[in-house]
PDB file of N, CA and C in Angstrom:
ATOM      1  N   MET A   1     -14.030  -3.292  -2.096  1.00  0.00           N
ATOM      2  CA  MET A   1     -13.172  -3.549  -3.237  1.00  0.00           C
ATOM      3  C   MET A   1     -12.130  -2.445  -3.303  1.00  0.00           C
ATOM      4  N   GLY A   2     -10.881  -2.800  -3.450  1.00  0.00           N
ATOM      5  CA  GLY A   2      -9.807  -1.826  -3.459  1.00  0.00           C
ATOM      6  C   GLY A   2      -9.658  -1.101  -4.783  1.00  0.00           C
ATOM      7  N   ASP A   3      -8.893  -0.018  -4.716  1.00  0.00           N
ATOM      8  CA  ASP A   3      -8.659   0.788  -5.914  1.00  0.00           C
ATOM      9  C   ASP A   3      -8.003  -0.034  -7.018  1.00  0.00           C
ATOM     10  N   LYS A   4      -7.102  -0.915  -6.624  1.00  0.00           N
ATOM     11  CA  LYS A   4      -6.386  -1.711  -7.612  1.00  0.00           C
ATOM     12  C   LYS A   4      -7.351  -2.595  -8.404  1.00  0.00           C
ATOM     13  N   ALA A   5      -8.247  -3.264  -7.707  1.00  0.00           N
ATOM     14  CA  ALA A   5      -9.217  -4.150  -8.359  1.00  0.00           C
ATOM     15  C   ALA A   5     -10.207  -3.353  -9.206  1.00  0.00           C
ATOM     16  N   LYS A   6     -10.676  -2.235  -8.678  1.00  0.00           N
ATOM     17  CA  LYS A   6     -11.593  -1.386  -9.445  1.00  0.00           C
ATOM     18  C   LYS A   6     -10.913  -0.893 -10.712  1.00  0.00           C
ATOM     19  N   GLY A   7      -9.663  -0.532 -10.577  1.00  0.00           N
ATOM     20  CA  GLY A   7      -8.909  -0.050 -11.727  1.00  0.00           C
ATOM     21  C   GLY A   7      -8.758  -1.108 -12.800  1.00  0.00           C
ATOM     22  N   LEU A   8      -8.522  -2.344 -12.372  1.00  0.00           N
ATOM     23  CA  LEU A   8      -8.426  -3.444 -13.335  1.00  0.00           C
ATOM     24  C   LEU A   8      -9.727  -3.587 -14.116  1.00  0.00           C
ATOM     25  N   GLY A   9     -10.834  -3.494 -13.398  1.00  0.00           N
ATOM     26  CA  GLY A   9     -12.140  -3.607 -14.039  1.00  0.00           C
ATOM     27  C   GLY A   9     -12.377  -2.484 -15.039  1.00  0.00           C
ATOM     28  N   LYS A  10     -12.044  -1.260 -14.638  1.00  0.00           N
ATOM     29  CA  LYS A  10     -12.228  -0.121 -15.541  1.00  0.00           C
ATOM     30  C   LYS A  10     -11.331  -0.232 -16.762  1.00  0.00           C
ATOM     31  N   GLU A  11     -10.106  -0.661 -16.535  1.00  0.00           N
ATOM     32  CA  GLU A  11      -9.180  -0.805 -17.654  1.00  0.00           C
ATOM     33  C   GLU A  11      -9.701  -1.857 -18.641  1.00  0.00           C
ATOM     34  N   ALA A  12     -10.150  -2.978 -18.113  1.00  0.00           N
ATOM     35  CA  ALA A  12     -10.685  -4.036 -18.969  1.00  0.00           C
ATOM     36  C   ALA A  12     -11.922  -3.560 -19.729  1.00  0.00           C
ATOM     37  N   LEU A  13     -12.801  -2.865 -19.034  1.00  0.00           N
ATOM     38  CA  LEU A  13     -14.002  -2.333 -19.669  1.00  0.00           C
ATOM     39  C   LEU A  13     -13.624  -1.368 -20.789  1.00  0.00           C
ATOM     40  N   GLY A  14     -12.659  -0.521 -20.519  1.00  0.00           N
ATOM     41  CA  GLY A  14     -12.200   0.418 -21.524  1.00  0.00           C
ATOM     42  C   GLY A  14     -11.634  -0.274 -22.750  1.00  0.00           C
ATOM     43  N   LYS A  15     -10.880  -1.350 -22.526  1.00  0.00           N
ATOM     44  CA  LYS A  15     -10.304  -2.091 -23.643  1.00  0.00           C
ATOM     45  C   LYS A  15     -11.392  -2.757 -24.483  1.00  0.00           C
ATOM     46  N   VAL A  16     -12.357  -3.365 -23.808  1.00  0.00           N
ATOM     47  CA  VAL A  16     -13.429  -4.083 -24.506  1.00  0.00           C
ATOM     48  C   VAL A  16     -14.308  -3.125 -25.309  1.00  0.00           C
ATOM     49  N   THR A  17     -14.591  -1.971 -24.718  1.00  0.00           N
ATOM     50  CA  THR A  17     -15.508  -1.030 -25.376  1.00  0.00           C
ATOM     51  C   THR A  17     -14.783  -0.020 -26.268  1.00  0.00           C
ATOM     52  N   GLY A  18     -13.453  -0.029 -26.219  1.00  0.00           N
ATOM     53  CA  GLY A  18     -12.697   0.934 -27.007  1.00  0.00           C
ATOM     54  C   GLY A  18     -12.686   2.331 -26.402  1.00  0.00           C
ATOM     55  N   ASP A  19     -13.037   2.430 -25.131  1.00  0.00           N
ATOM     56  CA  ASP A  19     -13.074   3.718 -24.427  1.00  0.00           C
ATOM     57  C   ASP A  19     -11.693   3.972 -23.806  1.00  0.00           C
ATOM     58  N   GLU A  20     -10.866   4.719 -24.519  1.00  0.00           N
ATOM     59  CA  GLU A  20      -9.499   4.969 -24.050  1.00  0.00           C
ATOM     60  C   GLU A  20      -9.462   5.770 -22.757  1.00  0.00           C
ATOM     61  N   ASP A  21     -10.423   6.680 -22.578  1.00  0.00           N
ATOM     62  CA  ASP A  21     -10.479   7.457 -21.330  1.00  0.00           C
ATOM     63  C   ASP A  21     -10.729   6.543 -20.137  1.00  0.00           C
ATOM     64  N   LYS A  22     -11.659   5.604 -20.290  1.00  0.00           N
ATOM     65  CA  LYS A  22     -11.966   4.664 -19.203  1.00  0.00           C
ATOM     66  C   LYS A  22     -10.749   3.765 -18.936  1.00  0.00           C
ATOM     67  N   GLU A  23     -10.067   3.366 -19.988  1.00  0.00           N
ATOM     68  CA  GLU A  23      -8.868   2.534 -19.851  1.00  0.00           C
ATOM     69  C   GLU A  23      -7.791   3.279 -19.055  1.00  0.00           C
ATOM     70  N   ARG A  24      -7.553   4.539 -19.416  1.00  0.00           N
ATOM     71  CA  ARG A  24      -6.559   5.353 -18.692  1.00  0.00           C
ATOM     72  C   ARG A  24      -6.988   5.593 -17.249  1.00  0.00           C
ATOM     73  N   GLU A  25      -8.277   5.810 -17.044  1.00  0.00           N
ATOM     74  CA  GLU A  25      -8.797   6.007 -15.682  1.00  0.00           C
ATOM     75  C   GLU A  25      -8.521   4.754 -14.841  1.00  0.00           C
ATOM     76  N   GLY A  26      -8.739   3.593 -15.439  1.00  0.00           N
ATOM     77  CA  GLY A  26      -8.469   2.339 -14.744  1.00  0.00           C
ATOM     78  C   GLY A  26      -7.001   2.173 -14.404  1.00  0.00           C
ATOM     79  N   GLU A  27      -6.141   2.522 -15.336  1.00  0.00           N
ATOM     80  CA  GLU A  27      -4.702   2.429 -15.078  1.00  0.00           C
ATOM     81  C   GLU A  27      -4.294   3.356 -13.935  1.00  0.00           C
ATOM     82  N   ALA A  28      -4.832   4.565 -13.944  1.00  0.00           N
ATOM     83  CA  ALA A  28      -4.520   5.531 -12.885  1.00  0.00           C
ATOM     84  C   ALA A  28      -5.012   5.024 -11.523  1.00  0.00           C
ATOM     85  N   GLN A  29      -6.184   4.431 -11.514  1.00  0.00           N
ATOM     86  CA  GLN A  29      -6.742   3.926 -10.258  1.00  0.00           C
ATOM     87  C   GLN A  29      -5.908   2.756  -9.727  1.00  0.00           C
ATOM     88  N   GLN A  30      -5.403   1.938 -10.626  1.00  0.00           N
ATOM     89  CA  GLN A  30      -4.532   0.841 -10.203  1.00  0.00           C
ATOM     90  C   GLN A  30      -3.259   1.380  -9.557  1.00  0.00           C
ATOM     91  N   LYS A  31      -2.680   2.409 -10.167  1.00  0.00           N
ATOM     92  CA  LYS A  31      -1.463   3.017  -9.612  1.00  0.00           C
ATOM     93  C   LYS A  31      -1.746   3.612  -8.236  1.00  0.00           C
ATOM     94  N   LYS A  32      -2.908   4.232  -8.081  1.00  0.00           N
ATOM     95  CA  LYS A  32      -3.293   4.795  -6.784  1.00  0.00           C
ATOM     96  C   LYS A  32      -3.369   3.674  -5.739  1.00  0.00           C
ATOM     97  N   GLY A  33      -3.957   2.556  -6.126  1.00  0.00           N
ATOM     98  CA  GLY A  33      -4.048   1.414  -5.219  1.00  0.00           C
ATOM     99  C   GLY A  33      -2.681   0.863  -4.849  1.00  0.00           C
ATOM    100  N   GLN A  34      -1.785   0.804  -5.819  1.00  0.00           N
ATOM    101  CA  GLN A  34      -0.431   0.317  -5.552  1.00  0.00           C
ATOM    102  C   GLN A  34       0.306   1.242  -4.593  1.00  0.00           C
ATOM    103  N   ARG A  35       0.135   2.551  -4.789  1.00  0.00           N
ATOM    104  CA  ARG A  35       0.783   3.516  -3.882  1.00  0.00           C
ATOM    105  C   ARG A  35       0.229   3.374  -2.463  1.00  0.00           C
ATOM    106  N   GLY A  36      -1.079   3.155  -2.367  1.00  0.00           N
ATOM    107  CA  GLY A  36      -1.683   2.967  -1.049  1.00  0.00           C
ATOM    108  C   GLY A  36      -1.173   1.719  -0.359  1.00  0.00           C
ATOM    109  N   GLU A  37      -1.018   0.644  -1.125  1.00  0.00           N
ATOM    110  CA  GLU A  37      -0.486  -0.598  -0.560  1.00  0.00           C
ATOM    111  C   GLU A  37       0.953  -0.407  -0.104  1.00  0.00           C
ATOM    112  N   GLU A  38       1.742   0.302  -0.888  1.00  0.00           N
ATOM    113  CA  GLU A  38       3.137   0.560  -0.529  1.00  0.00           C
ATOM    114  C   GLU A  38       3.217   1.416   0.735  1.00  0.00           C
ATOM    115  N   ALA A  39       2.374   2.425   0.836  1.00  0.00           N
ATOM    116  CA  ALA A  39       2.357   3.272   2.034  1.00  0.00           C
ATOM    117  C   ALA A  39       1.985   2.451   3.265  1.00  0.00           C
ATOM    118  N   GLU A  40       1.018   1.573   3.111  1.00  0.00           N
ATOM    119  CA  GLU A  40       0.601   0.725   4.228  1.00  0.00           C
ATOM    120  C   GLU A  40       1.738  -0.213   4.648  1.00  0.00           C
ATOM    121  N   ARG A  41       2.439  -0.771   3.665  1.00  0.00           N
ATOM    122  CA  ARG A  41       3.558  -1.668   3.970  1.00  0.00           C
ATOM    123  C   ARG A  41       4.658  -0.906   4.712  1.00  0.00           C
ATOM    124  N   LEU A  42       4.957   0.312   4.275  1.00  0.00           N
ATOM    125  CA  LEU A  42       5.992   1.106   4.928  1.00  0.00           C
ATOM    126  C   LEU A  42       5.589   1.500   6.351  1.00  0.00           C
ATOM    127  N   GLU A  43       4.309   1.802   6.552  1.00  0.00           N
ATOM    128  CA  GLU A  43       3.820   2.126   7.901  1.00  0.00           C
ATOM    129  C   GLU A  43       3.967   0.923   8.823  1.00  0.00           C
ATOM    130  N   GLU A  44       3.631  -0.257   8.331  1.00  0.00           N
ATOM    131  CA  GLU A  44       3.764  -1.477   9.136  1.00  0.00           C
ATOM    132  C   GLU A  44       5.223  -1.750   9.467  1.00  0.00           C
ATOM    133  N   GLU A  45       6.097  -1.534   8.490  1.00  0.00           N
ATOM    134  CA  GLU A  45       7.525  -1.741   8.716  1.00  0.00           C
ATOM    135  C   GLU A  45       8.058  -0.771   9.771  1.00  0.00           C
ATOM    136  N   ALA A  46       7.641   0.482   9.699  1.00  0.00           N
ATOM    137  CA  ALA A  46       8.072   1.482  10.676  1.00  0.00           C
ATOM    138  C   ALA A  46       7.563   1.135  12.073  1.00  0.00           C
ATOM    139  N   ALA A  47       6.325   0.695  12.167  1.00  0.00           N
ATOM    140  CA  ALA A  47       5.766   0.315  13.467  1.00  0.00           C
ATOM    141  C   ALA A  47       6.533  -0.871  14.050  1.00  0.00           C
ATOM    142  N   HIS A  48       6.894  -1.813  13.210  1.00  0.00           N
ATOM    143  CA  HIS A  48       7.659  -2.981  13.650  1.00  0.00           C
ATOM    144  C   HIS A  48       9.026  -2.537  14.191  1.00  0.00           C
ATOM    145  N   LYS A  49       9.679  -1.628  13.481  1.00  0.00           N
ATOM    146  CA  LYS A  49      10.989  -1.143  13.928  1.00  0.00           C
ATOM    147  C   LYS A  49      10.875  -0.377  15.237  1.00  0.00           C
ATOM    148  N   ARG A  50       9.789   0.394  15.384  1.00  0.00           N
ATOM    149  CA  ARG A  50       9.589   1.114  16.663  1.00  0.00           C
ATOM    150  C   ARG A  50       9.407   0.126  17.807  1.00  0.00           C
ATOM    151  N   ARG A  51       8.647  -0.951  17.572  1.00  0.00           N
ATOM    152  CA  ARG A  51       8.457  -1.967  18.620  1.00  0.00           C
ATOM    153  C   ARG A  51       9.780  -2.648  18.963  1.00  0.00           C
ATOM    154  N   GLN A  52      10.578  -2.939  17.940  1.00  0.00           N
ATOM    155  CA  GLN A  52      11.888  -3.547  18.187  1.00  0.00           C
ATOM    156  C   GLN A  52      12.766  -2.619  19.015  1.00  0.00           C
ATOM    157  N   GLN A  53      12.789  -1.350  18.643  1.00  0.00           N
ATOM    158  CA  GLN A  53      13.604  -0.366  19.352  1.00  0.00           C
ATOM    159  C   GLN A  53      13.146  -0.242  20.802  1.00  0.00           C
ATOM    160  N   ALA A  54      11.848  -0.225  21.018  1.00  0.00           N
ATOM    161  CA  ALA A  54      11.321  -0.131  22.385  1.00  0.00           C
ATOM    162  C   ALA A  54      11.736  -1.356  23.190  1.00  0.00           C
ATOM    163  N   GLY A  55      11.742  -2.512  22.564  1.00  0.00           N
ATOM    164  CA  GLY A  55      12.167  -3.737  23.237  1.00  0.00           C
ATOM    165  C   GLY A  55      13.638  -3.696  23.599  1.00  0.00           C
ATOM    166  N   HIS A  56      14.470  -3.175  22.718  1.00  0.00           N
ATOM    167  CA  HIS A  56      15.897  -3.069  22.999  1.00  0.00           C
ATOM    168  C   HIS A  56      16.158  -2.085  24.131  1.00  0.00           C
ATOM    169  N   GLN A  57      15.430  -0.997  24.160  1.00  0.00           N
ATOM    170  CA  GLN A  57      15.607  -0.017  25.228  1.00  0.00           C
ATOM    171  C   GLN A  57      15.192  -0.612  26.569  1.00  0.00           C
ATOM    172  N   ALA A  58      14.132  -1.415  26.573  1.00  0.00           N
ATOM    173  CA  ALA A  58      13.688  -2.053  27.818  1.00  0.00           C
ATOM    174  C   ALA A  58      14.743  -3.041  28.302  1.00  0.00           C
ATOM    175  N   ASP A  59      15.352  -3.784  27.373  1.00  0.00           N
ATOM    176  CA  ASP A  59      16.412  -4.728  27.741  1.00  0.00           C
ATOM    177  C   ASP A  59      17.602  -4.004  28.340  1.00  0.00           C
ATOM    178  N   GLU A  60      17.990  -2.865  27.748  1.00  0.00           N
ATOM    179  CA  GLU A  60      19.116  -2.095  28.248  1.00  0.00           C
ATOM    180  C   GLU A  60      18.843  -1.568  29.645  1.00  0.00           C
ATOM    181  N   THR A  61      17.621  -1.142  29.881  1.00  0.00           N
ATOM    182  CA  THR A  61      17.244  -0.628  31.203  1.00  0.00           C
ATOM    183  C   THR A  61      17.352  -1.741  32.237  1.00  0.00           C
ATOM    184  N   ARG A  62      16.892  -2.928  31.897  1.00  0.00           N
ATOM    185  CA  ARG A  62      16.970  -4.060  32.835  1.00  0.00           C
ATOM    186  C   ARG A  62      18.412  -4.447  33.140  1.00  0.00           C
ATOM    187  N   HIS A  63      19.279  -4.360  32.146  1.00  0.00           N
ATOM    188  CA  HIS A  63      20.678  -4.740  32.339  1.00  0.00           C
ATOM    189  C   HIS A  63      21.446  -3.697  33.146  1.00  0.00           C
ATOM    190  N   GLN A  64      20.978  -2.465  33.163  1.00  0.00           N
ATOM    191  CA  GLN A  64      21.637  -1.412  33.930  1.00  0.00           C
ATOM    192  C   GLN A  64      21.340  -1.537  35.421  1.00  0.00           C
ATOM    193  N   ASP A  65      20.240  -2.159  35.772  1.00  0.00           N
ATOM    194  CA  ASP A  65      19.855  -2.259  37.192  1.00  0.00           C
ATOM    195  C   ASP A  65      20.663  -3.254  37.938  1.00  0.00           C
TER     196      ASP A  65
END
């Protein structure tokens, strides 16, 4: 279970029980999960661009021969 989902659960529990600390903890955990997802998306995007660049360099090498 990811941080985002756990955070949702904690936030909901905090709201139901009136535990503001648990609610804030859940919100913070959700934000942590969102940051992790964004970092993963950016890493995938960078890897894709590196693969594209490598492909273009290979094409240029073939055309030079």
